[in-house]
Amino acid sequence: MSSDVFKMAGNLRFFNNSHTINLSAVCVSNVSRNLFNNTNMTNLRNKCIEKIKINLQNQINEIFEKGSFDVFKK
């Protein structure tokens, strides 16, 4: 039996010549695999992508409400 850690990360960067806002999100899952029961990695990746998307969207909403994106206004 094998027990691995599956990790997936998403990074998003907003920038112009003078300002940068970096966001990142990570999905970590313990994966158990054996000869008779292999984990469906496609389903696991799809779940992680969705969780990362939601996390990044929440971060965008939070920093927008704080006014952090105002540095990009001209």
N, C-alpha and C. Protein backbone atom coordinates (compact mmCIF):
# COMPACT_ATOMS: atom_id res chain seq x y z
N MET A 1 0.84 -1.18 0.00
CA MET A 1 0.00 0.00 0.00
C MET A 1 0.88 1.23 0.00
N SER A 2 0.47 2.21 -0.76
CA SER A 2 1.25 3.44 -0.89
C SER A 2 0.40 4.61 -0.42
N SER A 3 1.00 5.47 0.34
CA SER A 3 0.31 6.68 0.79
C SER A 3 1.15 7.87 0.36
N ASP A 4 0.58 8.69 -0.49
CA ASP A 4 1.27 9.85 -1.03
C ASP A 4 0.50 11.11 -0.69
N VAL A 5 1.18 12.21 -0.82
CA VAL A 5 0.54 13.50 -0.65
C VAL A 5 0.44 14.14 -2.04
N PHE A 6 -0.77 14.48 -2.43
CA PHE A 6 -1.02 15.13 -3.71
C PHE A 6 -1.12 16.63 -3.45
N LYS A 7 -0.32 17.41 -4.17
CA LYS A 7 -0.32 18.86 -3.99
C LYS A 7 -0.56 19.53 -5.33
N MET A 8 -1.37 20.58 -5.29
CA MET A 8 -1.60 21.39 -6.48
C MET A 8 -1.66 22.84 -6.03
N ALA A 9 -1.03 23.71 -6.78
CA ALA A 9 -1.00 25.13 -6.41
C ALA A 9 -1.48 25.98 -7.57
N GLY A 10 -2.09 27.09 -7.22
CA GLY A 10 -2.51 28.08 -8.21
C GLY A 10 -1.98 29.44 -7.80
N ASN A 11 -1.40 30.15 -8.74
CA ASN A 11 -0.86 31.48 -8.49
C ASN A 11 -1.49 32.46 -9.47
N LEU A 12 -1.78 33.64 -8.98
CA LEU A 12 -2.38 34.68 -9.80
C LEU A 12 -1.67 35.98 -9.50
N ARG A 13 -1.32 36.71 -10.54
CA ARG A 13 -0.56 37.95 -10.36
C ARG A 13 -1.22 39.08 -11.14
N PHE A 14 -1.52 40.17 -10.45
CA PHE A 14 -2.01 41.40 -11.07
C PHE A 14 -0.87 42.39 -11.01
N PHE A 15 -0.54 43.02 -12.12
CA PHE A 15 0.60 43.94 -12.08
C PHE A 15 0.48 45.00 -13.16
N ASN A 16 1.20 46.10 -12.91
CA ASN A 16 1.47 47.11 -13.91
C ASN A 16 2.91 47.54 -13.70
N ASN A 17 3.33 48.67 -14.25
CA ASN A 17 4.73 49.08 -14.15
C ASN A 17 5.18 49.37 -12.72
N SER A 18 4.26 49.73 -11.84
CA SER A 18 4.69 50.14 -10.50
C SER A 18 4.10 49.32 -9.34
N HIS A 19 3.12 48.48 -9.60
CA HIS A 19 2.48 47.73 -8.50
C HIS A 19 2.25 46.27 -8.90
N THR A 20 2.31 45.41 -7.90
CA THR A 20 2.06 43.99 -8.10
C THR A 20 1.26 43.46 -6.92
N ILE A 21 0.26 42.66 -7.22
CA ILE A 21 -0.49 41.94 -6.20
C ILE A 21 -0.40 40.46 -6.55
N ASN A 22 0.14 39.67 -5.64
CA ASN A 22 0.29 38.23 -5.85
C ASN A 22 -0.69 37.47 -4.96
N LEU A 23 -1.36 36.50 -5.55
CA LEU A 23 -2.27 35.63 -4.81
C LEU A 23 -1.86 34.19 -5.08
N SER A 24 -2.02 33.34 -4.08
CA SER A 24 -1.76 31.92 -4.31
C SER A 24 -2.68 31.08 -3.44
N ALA A 25 -2.96 29.89 -3.92
CA ALA A 25 -3.79 28.93 -3.21
C ALA A 25 -3.20 27.54 -3.43
N VAL A 26 -3.31 26.70 -2.41
CA VAL A 26 -2.75 25.35 -2.48
C VAL A 26 -3.82 24.33 -2.06
N CYS A 27 -3.86 23.23 -2.76
CA CYS A 27 -4.72 22.11 -2.41
C CYS A 27 -3.81 20.93 -2.07
N VAL A 28 -3.98 20.37 -0.88
CA VAL A 28 -3.17 19.24 -0.44
C VAL A 28 -4.13 18.12 -0.03
N SER A 29 -3.84 16.92 -0.53
CA SER A 29 -4.70 15.79 -0.20
C SER A 29 -3.84 14.55 0.02
N ASN A 30 -4.18 13.77 1.03
CA ASN A 30 -3.53 12.47 1.22
C ASN A 30 -4.17 11.47 0.28
N VAL A 31 -3.35 10.75 -0.43
CA VAL A 31 -3.83 9.78 -1.40
C VAL A 31 -3.35 8.40 -0.99
N SER A 32 -4.27 7.47 -0.86
CA SER A 32 -3.89 6.08 -0.57
C SER A 32 -4.16 5.24 -1.82
N ARG A 33 -3.16 4.51 -2.23
CA ARG A 33 -3.30 3.65 -3.40
C ARG A 33 -2.79 2.25 -3.06
N ASN A 34 -3.42 1.25 -3.64
CA ASN A 34 -2.92 -0.11 -3.51
C ASN A 34 -3.25 -0.86 -4.79
N LEU A 35 -2.92 -2.11 -4.82
CA LEU A 35 -3.10 -2.92 -6.01
C LEU A 35 -4.57 -3.03 -6.42
N PHE A 36 -5.47 -3.02 -5.46
CA PHE A 36 -6.88 -3.25 -5.74
C PHE A 36 -7.71 -1.98 -5.80
N ASN A 37 -7.19 -0.90 -5.31
CA ASN A 37 -7.96 0.34 -5.26
C ASN A 37 -7.06 1.52 -5.59
N ASN A 38 -7.07 1.92 -6.84
CA ASN A 38 -6.30 3.09 -7.24
C ASN A 38 -7.18 4.33 -7.18
N THR A 39 -6.65 5.39 -6.65
CA THR A 39 -7.38 6.65 -6.57
C THR A 39 -7.51 7.25 -7.96
N ASN A 40 -8.68 7.74 -8.29
CA ASN A 40 -8.90 8.40 -9.57
C ASN A 40 -8.28 9.79 -9.50
N MET A 41 -7.09 9.93 -10.06
CA MET A 41 -6.36 11.19 -9.97
C MET A 41 -7.03 12.31 -10.76
N THR A 42 -7.75 11.97 -11.84
CA THR A 42 -8.45 13.00 -12.61
C THR A 42 -9.51 13.67 -11.75
N ASN A 43 -10.30 12.87 -11.02
CA ASN A 43 -11.31 13.44 -10.13
C ASN A 43 -10.67 14.28 -9.03
N LEU A 44 -9.57 13.79 -8.48
CA LEU A 44 -8.87 14.52 -7.43
C LEU A 44 -8.35 15.86 -7.94
N ARG A 45 -7.76 15.86 -9.13
CA ARG A 45 -7.27 17.11 -9.74
C ARG A 45 -8.42 18.08 -9.98
N ASN A 46 -9.53 17.58 -10.51
CA ASN A 46 -10.68 18.45 -10.77
C ASN A 46 -11.23 19.07 -9.49
N LYS A 47 -11.28 18.29 -8.41
CA LYS A 47 -11.73 18.83 -7.12
C LYS A 47 -10.77 19.90 -6.62
N CYS A 48 -9.48 19.65 -6.77
CA CYS A 48 -8.48 20.64 -6.33
C CYS A 48 -8.57 21.92 -7.15
N ILE A 49 -8.75 21.78 -8.46
CA ILE A 49 -8.87 22.97 -9.31
C ILE A 49 -10.05 23.81 -8.87
N GLU A 50 -11.17 23.18 -8.57
CA GLU A 50 -12.36 23.91 -8.12
C GLU A 50 -12.11 24.61 -6.79
N LYS A 51 -11.47 23.92 -5.85
CA LYS A 51 -11.16 24.52 -4.54
C LYS A 51 -10.20 25.69 -4.69
N ILE A 52 -9.21 25.55 -5.54
CA ILE A 52 -8.25 26.64 -5.78
C ILE A 52 -8.95 27.83 -6.42
N LYS A 53 -9.83 27.57 -7.37
CA LYS A 53 -10.58 28.65 -8.02
C LYS A 53 -11.42 29.43 -7.01
N ILE A 54 -12.11 28.71 -6.14
CA ILE A 54 -12.94 29.36 -5.12
C ILE A 54 -12.07 30.17 -4.16
N ASN A 55 -10.93 29.61 -3.75
CA ASN A 55 -10.04 30.31 -2.83
C ASN A 55 -9.49 31.58 -3.46
N LEU A 56 -9.05 31.52 -4.71
CA LEU A 56 -8.53 32.71 -5.38
C LEU A 56 -9.62 33.76 -5.55
N GLN A 57 -10.84 33.33 -5.88
CA GLN A 57 -11.95 34.28 -6.02
C GLN A 57 -12.24 34.96 -4.69
N ASN A 58 -12.22 34.22 -3.59
CA ASN A 58 -12.43 34.82 -2.27
C ASN A 58 -11.34 35.82 -1.94
N GLN A 59 -10.10 35.51 -2.29
CA GLN A 59 -9.00 36.45 -2.05
C GLN A 59 -9.17 37.72 -2.87
N ILE A 60 -9.58 37.57 -4.14
CA ILE A 60 -9.82 38.74 -5.00
C ILE A 60 -10.91 39.61 -4.39
N ASN A 61 -12.02 38.99 -3.97
CA ASN A 61 -13.12 39.74 -3.37
C ASN A 61 -12.66 40.49 -2.13
N GLU A 62 -11.87 39.82 -1.29
CA GLU A 62 -11.40 40.44 -0.05
C GLU A 62 -10.48 41.63 -0.31
N ILE A 63 -9.52 41.49 -1.20
CA ILE A 63 -8.61 42.61 -1.42
C ILE A 63 -9.29 43.73 -2.21
N PHE A 64 -10.31 43.40 -3.04
CA PHE A 64 -11.07 44.44 -3.72
C PHE A 64 -11.84 45.28 -2.71
N GLU A 65 -12.46 44.62 -1.72
CA GLU A 65 -13.21 45.32 -0.69
C GLU A 65 -12.30 46.21 0.16
N LYS A 66 -11.05 45.77 0.37
CA LYS A 66 -10.10 46.57 1.14
C LYS A 66 -9.56 47.75 0.34
N GLY A 67 -9.78 47.76 -0.97
CA GLY A 67 -9.30 48.85 -1.81
C GLY A 67 -7.89 48.64 -2.34
N SER A 68 -7.36 47.45 -2.24
CA SER A 68 -5.99 47.20 -2.69
C SER A 68 -5.83 47.34 -4.20
N PHE A 69 -6.91 47.16 -4.96
CA PHE A 69 -6.81 47.31 -6.41
C PHE A 69 -6.79 48.78 -6.83
N ASP A 70 -7.04 49.70 -5.90
CA ASP A 70 -7.02 51.12 -6.22
C ASP A 70 -5.68 51.59 -6.75
N VAL A 71 -4.60 50.87 -6.44
CA VAL A 71 -3.27 51.28 -6.93
C VAL A 71 -3.17 51.18 -8.44
N PHE A 72 -4.11 50.48 -9.07
CA PHE A 72 -4.06 50.33 -10.53
C PHE A 72 -4.91 51.38 -11.26
N LYS A 73 -5.63 52.20 -10.52
CA LYS A 73 -6.43 53.26 -11.14
C LYS A 73 -5.51 54.35 -11.65
N LYS A 74 -5.89 54.94 -12.77
CA LYS A 74 -5.09 56.04 -13.33
C LYS A 74 -5.74 57.34 -13.07
